[in-house]
C-alpha atoms as a PDB file:
ATOM      1  CA  MET A   1    -102.409 -49.881   8.419  1.00  0.00           C
ATOM      2  CA  ASN A   2     -99.182 -49.740   6.380  1.00  0.00           C
ATOM      3  CA  LYS A   3     -97.224 -52.878   5.591  1.00  0.00           C
ATOM      4  CA  ASN A   4     -93.648 -53.047   4.282  1.00  0.00           C
ATOM      5  CA  HIS A   5     -92.842 -55.711   1.680  1.00  0.00           C
ATOM      6  CA  LEU A   6     -89.149 -56.017   0.869  1.00  0.00           C
ATOM      7  CA  ILE A   7     -88.844 -56.277  -2.922  1.00  0.00           C
ATOM      8  CA  GLY A   8     -85.058 -56.297  -3.220  1.00  0.00           C
ATOM      9  CA  THR A   9     -81.683 -55.078  -2.046  1.00  0.00           C
ATOM     10  CA  LYS A  10     -78.585 -53.752  -3.691  1.00  0.00           C
ATOM     11  CA  GLU A  11     -75.134 -53.696  -2.073  1.00  0.00           C
ATOM     12  CA  LEU A  12     -72.239 -51.528  -3.209  1.00  0.00           C
ATOM     13  CA  THR A  13     -68.717 -50.807  -2.015  1.00  0.00           C
ATOM     14  CA  TYR A  14     -67.255 -47.322  -2.412  1.00  0.00           C
ATOM     15  CA  ASP A  15     -64.012 -45.614  -1.438  1.00  0.00           C
ATOM     16  CA  ASN A  16     -62.549 -49.160  -1.266  1.00  0.00           C
ATOM     17  CA  ALA A  17     -63.853 -49.553   2.280  1.00  0.00           C
ATOM     18  CA  HIS A  18     -67.432 -48.466   2.872  1.00  0.00           C
ATOM     19  CA  LYS A  19     -70.339 -50.775   2.226  1.00  0.00           C
ATOM     20  CA  MET A  20     -73.680 -49.278   1.241  1.00  0.00           C
ATOM     21  CA  LYS A  21     -76.875 -51.306   1.215  1.00  0.00           C
ATOM     22  CA  LEU A  22     -80.078 -50.084  -0.419  1.00  0.00           C
ATOM     23  CA  GLU A  23     -83.376 -51.815   0.443  1.00  0.00           C
ATOM     24  CA  TYR A  24     -86.428 -51.261  -1.734  1.00  0.00           C
ATOM     25  CA  PHE A  25     -89.875 -51.767  -0.194  1.00  0.00           C
ATOM     26  CA  LEU A  26     -93.401 -51.855  -1.495  1.00  0.00           C
ATOM     27  CA  ILE A  27     -95.607 -50.075   1.032  1.00  0.00           C
ATOM     28  CA  SER A  28     -99.267 -51.130   1.097  1.00  0.00           C
ATOM     29  CA  GLU A  29    -101.931 -49.022   2.758  1.00  0.00           C
ATOM     30  CA  ASP A  30    -104.890 -51.248   3.495  1.00  0.00           C
ATOM     31  CA  ARG A  31    -108.235 -49.495   3.260  1.00  0.00           C
ATOM     32  CA  GLU A  32    -111.463 -50.783   4.793  1.00  0.00           C
ATOM     33  CA  ARG A  33    -113.911 -50.188   1.975  1.00  0.00           C
ATOM     34  CA  THR A  34    -111.643 -49.556  -1.010  1.00  0.00           C
ATOM     35  CA  ARG A  35    -108.694 -51.157  -2.736  1.00  0.00           C
ATOM     36  CA  SER A  36    -105.261 -51.014  -1.176  1.00  0.00           C
ATOM     37  CA  LEU A  37    -102.930 -48.220  -2.251  1.00  0.00           C
ATOM     38  CA  TYR A  38     -99.200 -48.701  -2.839  1.00  0.00           C
ATOM     39  CA  GLY A  39     -96.121 -46.549  -2.353  1.00  0.00           C
ATOM     40  CA  ILE A  40     -92.351 -46.970  -2.189  1.00  0.00           C
ATOM     41  CA  ARG A  41     -89.749 -46.819   0.587  1.00  0.00           C
ATOM     42  CA  ILE A  42     -85.978 -46.884   0.123  1.00  0.00           C
ATOM     43  CA  ARG A  43     -83.713 -47.437   3.125  1.00  0.00           C
ATOM     44  CA  LYS A  44     -79.966 -46.805   2.875  1.00  0.00           C
ATOM     45  CA  THR A  45     -77.445 -48.169   5.323  1.00  0.00           C
ATOM     46  CA  VAL A  46     -73.711 -47.448   5.315  1.00  0.00           C
ATOM     47  CA  ASP A  47     -71.365 -49.734   7.234  1.00  0.00           C
ATOM     48  CA  ALA A  48     -74.402 -51.386   8.907  1.00  0.00           C
ATOM     49  CA  ARG A  49     -75.838 -48.072  10.201  1.00  0.00           C
ATOM     50  CA  GLN A  50     -79.080 -46.707   8.849  1.00  0.00           C
ATOM     51  CA  VAL A  51     -78.412 -43.306   7.325  1.00  0.00           C
ATOM     52  CA  GLU A  52     -81.396 -42.381   5.182  1.00  0.00           C
ATOM     53  CA  THR A  53     -84.956 -43.502   4.603  1.00  0.00           C
ATOM     54  CA  GLU A  54     -87.502 -41.966   2.314  1.00  0.00           C
ATOM     55  CA  THR A  55     -91.109 -42.997   1.606  1.00  0.00           C
ATOM     56  CA  THR A  56     -93.455 -41.802  -1.095  1.00  0.00           C
ATOM     57  CA  PRO A  57     -97.122 -41.207  -0.448  1.00  0.00           C
ATOM     58  CA  ALA A  58     -99.462 -43.740  -2.051  1.00  0.00           C
ATOM     59  CA  LEU A  59     -98.789 -43.741  -5.801  1.00  0.00           C
ATOM     60  CA  SER A  60    -101.321 -46.166  -7.237  1.00  0.00           C
ATOM     61  CA  ALA A  61    -103.935 -48.817  -6.523  1.00  0.00           C
ATOM     62  CA  SER A  62    -102.023 -51.104  -8.910  1.00  0.00           C
ATOM     63  CA  ARG A  63     -99.506 -53.244  -7.078  1.00  0.00           C
ATOM     64  CA  ASP A  64     -97.936 -54.357 -10.396  1.00  0.00           C
ATOM     65  CA  PHE A  65     -97.388 -50.750 -11.539  1.00  0.00           C
ATOM     66  CA  VAL A  66     -95.600 -49.800  -8.307  1.00  0.00           C
ATOM     67  CA  GLU A  67     -93.530 -53.022  -8.236  1.00  0.00           C
ATOM     68  CA  GLN A  68     -92.330 -52.326 -11.832  1.00  0.00           C
ATOM     69  CA  MET A  69     -91.345 -48.846 -10.725  1.00  0.00           C
ATOM     70  CA  ILE A  70     -89.389 -50.314  -7.804  1.00  0.00           C
ATOM     71  CA  TYR A  71     -87.495 -52.632 -10.188  1.00  0.00           C
ATOM     72  CA  LYS A  72     -86.524 -49.606 -12.295  1.00  0.00           C
ATOM     73  CA  LEU A  73     -85.316 -47.805  -9.184  1.00  0.00           C
ATOM     74  CA  MET A  74     -83.221 -50.846  -8.200  1.00  0.00           C
ATOM     75  CA  VAL A  75     -81.624 -51.263 -11.616  1.00  0.00           C
ATOM     76  CA  ASN A  76     -80.624 -47.583 -11.602  1.00  0.00           C
ATOM     77  CA  THR A  77     -79.430 -47.605  -7.951  1.00  0.00           C
ATOM     78  CA  VAL A  78     -81.770 -44.802  -6.886  1.00  0.00           C
ATOM     79  CA  THR A  79     -81.074 -43.620  -3.322  1.00  0.00           C
ATOM     80  CA  PRO A  80     -83.514 -42.133  -0.806  1.00  0.00           C
ATOM     81  CA  ILE A  81     -82.363 -38.570  -1.491  1.00  0.00           C
ATOM     82  CA  THR A  82     -83.396 -38.753  -5.160  1.00  0.00           C
ATOM     83  CA  LEU A  83     -86.510 -40.889  -4.766  1.00  0.00           C
ATOM     84  CA  TYR A  84     -89.103 -38.130  -5.194  1.00  0.00           C
ATOM     85  CA  GLU A  85     -87.470 -36.631  -8.289  1.00  0.00           C
ATOM     86  CA  VAL A  86     -87.052 -39.971 -10.050  1.00  0.00           C
ATOM     87  CA  VAL A  87     -90.619 -41.115  -9.242  1.00  0.00           C
ATOM     88  CA  ASP A  88     -91.913 -37.799 -10.521  1.00  0.00           C
ATOM     89  CA  ASP A  89     -90.028 -38.337 -13.803  1.00  0.00           C
ATOM     90  CA  LEU A  90     -91.345 -41.911 -14.129  1.00  0.00           C
ATOM     91  CA  ILE A  91     -94.960 -40.920 -13.526  1.00  0.00           C
ATOM     92  CA  GLY A  92     -94.644 -37.547 -15.207  1.00  0.00           C
END
């Protein structure tokens, strides 16, 4: 069963009118006989309407490792459309 844990949000205004909100989630996949696995989800809303969501597959059994990656994504304002490429560079 997957669980979403909101780690943080980032709000931006562009074109002097539109508000974009990025939400960064830690996804935990609970396993019966093994450790949980963790992935990332980013959800983008523009003017209060959800526009994009992207989720990685499980990246690691280390919650701390994936949370640190999420903080890097937040600081650099990574959007759903570039999630896979940026994660690949970070793990790479």
